[in-house]
PDB file of N, CA and C in Angstrom:
ATOM      1  N   MET A   1     213.157 179.478 232.295  1.00  0.00           N
ATOM      2  CA  MET A   1     211.903 179.407 231.824  1.00  0.00           C
ATOM      3  C   MET A   1     211.419 179.100 230.165  1.00  0.00           C
ATOM      4  N   VAL A   2     210.426 178.179 230.010  1.00  0.00           N
ATOM      5  CA  VAL A   2     210.206 177.507 228.474  1.00  0.00           C
ATOM      6  C   VAL A   2     208.897 178.536 227.718  1.00  0.00           C
ATOM      7  N   LYS A   3     209.508 178.706 226.798  1.00  0.00           N
ATOM      8  CA  LYS A   3     208.790 179.720 225.716  1.00  0.00           C
ATOM      9  C   LYS A   3     207.713 179.114 225.662  1.00  0.00           C
ATOM     10  N   LYS A   4     206.423 179.784 225.255  1.00  0.00           N
ATOM     11  CA  LYS A   4     205.715 179.346 224.874  1.00  0.00           C
ATOM     12  C   LYS A   4     205.134 179.284 223.121  1.00  0.00           C
ATOM     13  N   LEU A   5     204.718 178.491 222.863  1.00  0.00           N
ATOM     14  CA  LEU A   5     204.207 178.494 221.428  1.00  0.00           C
ATOM     15  C   LEU A   5     203.583 179.671 220.535  1.00  0.00           C
ATOM     16  N   MET A   6     203.969 179.504 219.776  1.00  0.00           N
ATOM     17  CA  MET A   6     202.737 180.534 218.950  1.00  0.00           C
ATOM     18  C   MET A   6     201.671 180.183 218.587  1.00  0.00           C
ATOM     19  N   THR A   7     200.610 180.573 217.785  1.00  0.00           N
ATOM     20  CA  THR A   7     199.398 179.886 217.479  1.00  0.00           C
ATOM     21  C   THR A   7     199.490 179.129 215.731  1.00  0.00           C
ATOM     22  N   LYS A   8     200.670 179.764 215.127  1.00  0.00           N
ATOM     23  CA  LYS A   8     201.197 179.555 214.169  1.00  0.00           C
ATOM     24  C   LYS A   8     202.071 178.059 214.005  1.00  0.00           C
ATOM     25  N   GLN A   9     203.384 177.913 215.319  1.00  0.00           N
ATOM     26  CA  GLN A   9     203.447 177.390 215.105  1.00  0.00           C
ATOM     27  C   GLN A   9     203.137 176.056 215.763  1.00  0.00           C
ATOM     28  N   LYS A  10     202.130 175.741 216.519  1.00  0.00           N
ATOM     29  CA  LYS A  10     201.104 174.986 217.121  1.00  0.00           C
ATOM     30  C   LYS A  10     200.349 174.558 215.721  1.00  0.00           C
ATOM     31  N   ILE A  11     199.728 175.192 214.825  1.00  0.00           N
ATOM     32  CA  ILE A  11     199.069 174.662 213.908  1.00  0.00           C
ATOM     33  C   ILE A  11     200.276 174.260 212.625  1.00  0.00           C
ATOM     34  N   HIS A  12     201.062 174.801 212.717  1.00  0.00           N
ATOM     35  CA  HIS A  12     202.238 173.834 211.520  1.00  0.00           C
ATOM     36  C   HIS A  12     202.485 172.677 212.353  1.00  0.00           C
ATOM     37  N   ILE A  13     203.346 172.313 213.843  1.00  0.00           N
ATOM     38  CA  ILE A  13     203.565 170.962 214.246  1.00  0.00           C
ATOM     39  C   ILE A  13     202.259 169.960 214.220  1.00  0.00           C
ATOM     40  N   ASP A  14     200.883 170.798 214.637  1.00  0.00           N
ATOM     41  CA  ASP A  14     199.878 169.627 214.611  1.00  0.00           C
ATOM     42  C   ASP A  14     199.607 169.614 212.740  1.00  0.00           C
ATOM     43  N   ASN A  15     199.715 170.187 211.893  1.00  0.00           N
ATOM     44  CA  ASN A  15     200.277 169.637 210.677  1.00  0.00           C
ATOM     45  C   ASN A  15     200.754 168.701 210.238  1.00  0.00           C
ATOM     46  N   LEU A  16     201.920 168.873 210.587  1.00  0.00           N
ATOM     47  CA  LEU A  16     202.947 167.876 210.810  1.00  0.00           C
ATOM     48  C   LEU A  16     202.518 166.447 210.990  1.00  0.00           C
ATOM     49  N   ALA A  17     201.791 166.536 212.512  1.00  0.00           N
ATOM     50  CA  ALA A  17     201.684 165.034 212.853  1.00  0.00           C
ATOM     51  C   ALA A  17     200.520 164.453 212.103  1.00  0.00           C
ATOM     52  N   ALA A  18     200.021 165.424 211.765  1.00  0.00           N
ATOM     53  CA  ALA A  18     198.251 164.715 210.823  1.00  0.00           C
ATOM     54  C   ALA A  18     199.104 164.422 209.762  1.00  0.00           C
ATOM     55  N   ASN A  19     199.787 164.981 209.185  1.00  0.00           N
ATOM     56  CA  ASN A  19     200.220 163.839 207.895  1.00  0.00           C
ATOM     57  C   ASN A  19     201.297 163.034 208.214  1.00  0.00           C
ATOM     58  N   LYS A  20     202.016 163.070 209.503  1.00  0.00           N
ATOM     59  CA  LYS A  20     202.637 161.850 209.643  1.00  0.00           C
ATOM     60  C   LYS A  20     202.091 160.370 209.692  1.00  0.00           C
ATOM     61  N   LYS A  21     201.560 160.685 210.674  1.00  0.00           N
ATOM     62  CA  LYS A  21     200.158 159.840 210.670  1.00  0.00           C
ATOM     63  C   LYS A  21     199.448 159.509 209.486  1.00  0.00           C
ATOM     64  N   ALA A  22     198.797 160.249 209.024  1.00  0.00           N
ATOM     65  CA  ALA A  22     198.425 160.139 207.533  1.00  0.00           C
ATOM     66  C   ALA A  22     199.027 158.771 206.695  1.00  0.00           C
ATOM     67  N   LEU A  23     200.523 159.073 206.703  1.00  0.00           N
ATOM     68  CA  LEU A  23     201.268 158.864 205.413  1.00  0.00           C
ATOM     69  C   LEU A  23     201.303 157.196 206.573  1.00  0.00           C
ATOM     70  N   TYR A  24     201.761 156.842 208.065  1.00  0.00           N
ATOM     71  CA  TYR A  24     201.757 155.399 208.179  1.00  0.00           C
ATOM     72  C   TYR A  24     200.520 154.951 207.962  1.00  0.00           C
ATOM     73  N   GLN A  25     199.496 155.107 208.378  1.00  0.00           N
ATOM     74  CA  GLN A  25     198.152 154.886 208.278  1.00  0.00           C
ATOM     75  C   GLN A  25     198.011 153.991 206.716  1.00  0.00           C
ATOM     76  N   ALA A  26     198.302 155.146 205.840  1.00  0.00           N
ATOM     77  CA  ALA A  26     198.298 154.700 204.285  1.00  0.00           C
ATOM     78  C   ALA A  26     199.375 152.998 204.214  1.00  0.00           C
ATOM     79  N   ARG A  27     200.627 153.615 204.474  1.00  0.00           N
ATOM     80  CA  ARG A  27     201.570 152.232 204.515  1.00  0.00           C
ATOM     81  C   ARG A  27     200.885 150.801 205.473  1.00  0.00           C
ATOM     82  N   LEU A  28     200.588 151.293 206.723  1.00  0.00           N
ATOM     83  CA  LEU A  28     200.018 149.992 207.265  1.00  0.00           C
ATOM     84  C   LEU A  28     199.300 149.335 206.191  1.00  0.00           C
ATOM     85  N   ASN A  29     198.114 150.492 205.939  1.00  0.00           N
ATOM     86  CA  ASN A  29     196.873 149.589 205.069  1.00  0.00           C
ATOM     87  C   ASN A  29     196.973 148.662 204.184  1.00  0.00           C
ATOM     88  N   ASN A  30     198.654 149.336 202.980  1.00  0.00           N
ATOM     89  CA  ASN A  30     198.647 148.500 202.102  1.00  0.00           C
ATOM     90  C   ASN A  30     199.516 147.240 202.101  1.00  0.00           C
ATOM     91  N   ILE A  31     199.954 147.430 203.902  1.00  0.00           N
ATOM     92  CA  ILE A  31     200.639 146.257 203.967  1.00  0.00           C
ATOM     93  C   ILE A  31     199.745 144.917 204.422  1.00  0.00           C
ATOM     94  N   ILE A  32     199.120 145.254 205.049  1.00  0.00           N
ATOM     95  CA  ILE A  32     197.543 144.266 205.214  1.00  0.00           C
ATOM     96  C   ILE A  32     197.127 144.492 204.234  1.00  0.00           C
ATOM     97  N   ASN A  33     196.882 145.027 203.219  1.00  0.00           N
ATOM     98  CA  ASN A  33     195.854 144.497 202.012  1.00  0.00           C
ATOM     99  C   ASN A  33     197.122 143.100 200.544  1.00  0.00           C
ATOM    100  N   TYR A  34     198.422 143.159 200.967  1.00  0.00           N
ATOM    101  CA  TYR A  34     199.381 142.751 200.443  1.00  0.00           C
ATOM    102  C   TYR A  34     199.117 141.133 200.641  1.00  0.00           C
ATOM    103  N   ASP A  35     199.151 140.525 200.105  1.00  0.00           N
ATOM    104  CA  ASP A  35     199.089 138.763 200.328  1.00  0.00           C
ATOM    105  C   ASP A  35     200.422 138.690 201.325  1.00  0.00           C
ATOM    106  N   LEU A  36     199.575 138.486 202.523  1.00  0.00           N
ATOM    107  CA  LEU A  36     200.069 138.298 204.102  1.00  0.00           C
ATOM    108  C   LEU A  36     200.939 137.318 204.053  1.00  0.00           C
ATOM    109  N   SER A  37     201.098 136.046 203.113  1.00  0.00           N
ATOM    110  CA  SER A  37     201.714 135.002 202.821  1.00  0.00           C
ATOM    111  C   SER A  37     203.782 135.130 202.287  1.00  0.00           C
ATOM    112  N   PHE A  38     203.423 136.391 202.127  1.00  0.00           N
ATOM    113  CA  PHE A  38     204.770 136.804 201.895  1.00  0.00           C
ATOM    114  C   PHE A  38     205.386 136.653 203.076  1.00  0.00           C
ATOM    115  N   TYR A  39     205.031 137.503 203.937  1.00  0.00           N
ATOM    116  CA  TYR A  39     205.158 137.777 205.371  1.00  0.00           C
ATOM    117  C   TYR A  39     205.615 137.070 206.354  1.00  0.00           C
ATOM    118  N   ARG A  40     205.371 135.731 205.656  1.00  0.00           N
ATOM    119  CA  ARG A  40     204.721 134.349 207.213  1.00  0.00           C
ATOM    120  C   ARG A  40     206.613 133.446 207.054  1.00  0.00           C
ATOM    121  N   PHE A  41     206.607 132.830 208.302  1.00  0.00           N
ATOM    122  CA  PHE A  41     207.438 132.103 207.999  1.00  0.00           C
ATOM    123  C   PHE A  41     206.790 130.648 207.936  1.00  0.00           C
ATOM    124  N   LYS A  42     207.699 129.680 207.900  1.00  0.00           N
ATOM    125  CA  LYS A  42     207.446 128.130 207.552  1.00  0.00           C
ATOM    126  C   LYS A  42     206.166 127.836 208.396  1.00  0.00           C
ATOM    127  N   ASN A  43     206.308 127.947 209.594  1.00  0.00           N
ATOM    128  CA  ASN A  43     205.756 127.823 211.134  1.00  0.00           C
ATOM    129  C   ASN A  43     204.245 128.596 210.870  1.00  0.00           C
ATOM    130  N   GLY A  44     203.948 129.502 209.966  1.00  0.00           N
ATOM    131  CA  GLY A  44     202.564 130.017 210.011  1.00  0.00           C
ATOM    132  C   GLY A  44     202.616 131.467 210.622  1.00  0.00           C
ATOM    133  N   LYS A  45     203.371 132.471 211.137  1.00  0.00           N
ATOM    134  CA  LYS A  45     204.011 133.441 212.116  1.00  0.00           C
ATOM    135  C   LYS A  45     204.286 134.190 211.079  1.00  0.00           C
ATOM    136  N   LEU A  46     203.592 135.249 211.664  1.00  0.00           N
ATOM    137  CA  LEU A  46     204.075 136.568 210.404  1.00  0.00           C
ATOM    138  C   LEU A  46     205.344 137.324 211.266  1.00  0.00           C
ATOM    139  N   ASN A  47     206.243 137.332 210.107  1.00  0.00           N
ATOM    140  CA  ASN A  47     207.852 137.566 210.212  1.00  0.00           C
ATOM    141  C   ASN A  47     207.775 139.174 210.280  1.00  0.00           C
ATOM    142  N   ILE A  48     207.339 139.845 211.219  1.00  0.00           N
ATOM    143  CA  ILE A  48     207.271 141.228 211.509  1.00  0.00           C
ATOM    144  C   ILE A  48     208.527 142.317 211.432  1.00  0.00           C
ATOM    145  N   SER A  49     209.821 141.933 211.387  1.00  0.00           N
ATOM    146  CA  SER A  49     211.481 142.199 211.147  1.00  0.00           C
ATOM    147  C   SER A  49     211.235 141.917 209.404  1.00  0.00           C
ATOM    148  N   LYS A  50     210.550 141.584 208.591  1.00  0.00           N
ATOM    149  CA  LYS A  50     211.052 141.232 207.599  1.00  0.00           C
ATOM    150  C   LYS A  50     209.823 142.516 206.961  1.00  0.00           C
ATOM    151  N   MET A  51     208.585 142.973 207.749  1.00  0.00           N
ATOM    152  CA  MET A  51     207.575 142.847 207.054  1.00  0.00           C
ATOM    153  C   MET A  51     208.048 144.810 207.672  1.00  0.00           C
ATOM    154  N   ALA A  52     208.535 145.485 208.408  1.00  0.00           N
ATOM    155  CA  ALA A  52     209.386 146.770 209.041  1.00  0.00           C
ATOM    156  C   ALA A  52     210.351 146.902 207.673  1.00  0.00           C
ATOM    157  N   ARG A  53     210.774 145.627 207.294  1.00  0.00           N
ATOM    158  CA  ARG A  53     211.805 145.996 206.059  1.00  0.00           C
ATOM    159  C   ARG A  53     211.645 146.701 205.310  1.00  0.00           C
ATOM    160  N   CYS A  54     210.912 145.590 204.398  1.00  0.00           N
ATOM    161  CA  CYS A  54     210.275 145.694 203.318  1.00  0.00           C
ATOM    162  C   CYS A  54     209.073 147.226 203.268  1.00  0.00           C
ATOM    163  N   SER A  55     208.620 147.396 204.669  1.00  0.00           N
ATOM    164  CA  SER A  55     207.214 148.622 204.319  1.00  0.00           C
ATOM    165  C   SER A  55     208.101 150.141 204.576  1.00  0.00           C
ATOM    166  N   GLY A  56     209.094 150.227 205.758  1.00  0.00           N
ATOM    167  CA  GLY A  56     209.868 151.381 206.038  1.00  0.00           C
ATOM    168  C   GLY A  56     209.194 151.769 207.457  1.00  0.00           C
ATOM    169  N   LEU A  57     208.449 150.867 207.997  1.00  0.00           N
ATOM    170  CA  LEU A  57     207.375 151.674 209.450  1.00  0.00           C
ATOM    171  C   LEU A  57     208.780 150.795 210.614  1.00  0.00           C
ATOM    172  N   SER A  58     208.441 151.105 211.520  1.00  0.00           N
ATOM    173  CA  SER A  58     209.588 150.184 212.663  1.00  0.00           C
ATOM    174  C   SER A  58     208.447 149.083 213.196  1.00  0.00           C
ATOM    175  N   ARG A  59     209.610 148.137 213.488  1.00  0.00           N
ATOM    176  CA  ARG A  59     208.567 147.235 214.106  1.00  0.00           C
ATOM    177  C   ARG A  59     207.929 147.579 215.446  1.00  0.00           C
ATOM    178  N   SER A  60     208.176 148.081 216.493  1.00  0.00           N
ATOM    179  CA  SER A  60     207.587 148.230 217.172  1.00  0.00           C
ATOM    180  C   SER A  60     206.217 148.557 216.541  1.00  0.00           C
ATOM    181  N   PHE A  61     205.800 149.589 215.874  1.00  0.00           N
ATOM    182  CA  PHE A  61     204.790 150.428 215.262  1.00  0.00           C
ATOM    183  C   PHE A  61     203.556 149.715 214.552  1.00  0.00           C
ATOM    184  N   LEU A  62     204.542 148.469 214.188  1.00  0.00           N
ATOM    185  CA  LEU A  62     203.746 147.762 213.463  1.00  0.00           C
ATOM    186  C   LEU A  62     203.399 146.129 214.575  1.00  0.00           C
ATOM    187  N   THR A  63     204.372 146.063 214.964  1.00  0.00           N
ATOM    188  CA  THR A  63     203.843 145.275 216.212  1.00  0.00           C
ATOM    189  C   THR A  63     202.641 145.251 216.826  1.00  0.00           C
ATOM    190  N   LYS A  64     202.810 146.758 217.724  1.00  0.00           N
ATOM    191  CA  LYS A  64     201.244 147.525 217.773  1.00  0.00           C
ATOM    192  C   LYS A  64     200.235 147.347 217.176  1.00  0.00           C
ATOM    193  N   TYR A  65     200.362 147.783 215.950  1.00  0.00           N
ATOM    194  CA  TYR A  65     198.567 148.264 215.417  1.00  0.00           C
ATOM    195  C   TYR A  65     198.680 146.122 214.837  1.00  0.00           C
ATOM    196  N   LEU A  66     199.506 145.788 214.854  1.00  0.00           N
ATOM    197  CA  LEU A  66     198.923 144.654 214.105  1.00  0.00           C
ATOM    198  C   LEU A  66     198.152 143.784 215.395  1.00  0.00           C
ATOM    199  N   TRP A  67     198.952 143.992 216.456  1.00  0.00           N
ATOM    200  CA  TRP A  67     198.364 143.272 217.719  1.00  0.00           C
ATOM    201  C   TRP A  67     196.578 143.958 217.678  1.00  0.00           C
ATOM    202  N   PHE A  68     196.561 145.375 218.129  1.00  0.00           N
ATOM    203  CA  PHE A  68     194.938 145.776 217.541  1.00  0.00           C
ATOM    204  C   PHE A  68     193.979 145.181 216.608  1.00  0.00           C
ATOM    205  N   LYS A  69     194.996 144.994 215.238  1.00  0.00           N
ATOM    206  CA  LYS A  69     194.123 144.074 214.230  1.00  0.00           C
ATOM    207  C   LYS A  69     193.432 142.702 214.842  1.00  0.00           C
ATOM    208  N   GLY A  70     194.312 142.169 215.220  1.00  0.00           N
ATOM    209  CA  GLY A  70     194.322 140.478 215.516  1.00  0.00           C
ATOM    210  C   GLY A  70     195.200 139.585 215.247  1.00  0.00           C
ATOM    211  N   LEU A  71     196.225 140.113 214.249  1.00  0.00           N
ATOM    212  CA  LEU A  71     196.689 139.811 213.514  1.00  0.00           C
ATOM    213  C   LEU A  71     198.246 139.292 214.338  1.00  0.00           C
TER     214      LEU A  71
END
């Protein structure tokens, strides 16, 4: 049997998700506003792995959002 979450628990979980999303979005904006030449290979492509290591974000998250941005 699955327990139902109480209203306070739902609100708390929603707040945690909102804070995490805001943190990730702020980090992503900081990366994009930084000089992107630091993250480029010699052939001109972006080095997503280096970007992920420097920012603390996951590689798959960066790949998805940079694809949305057209980078």
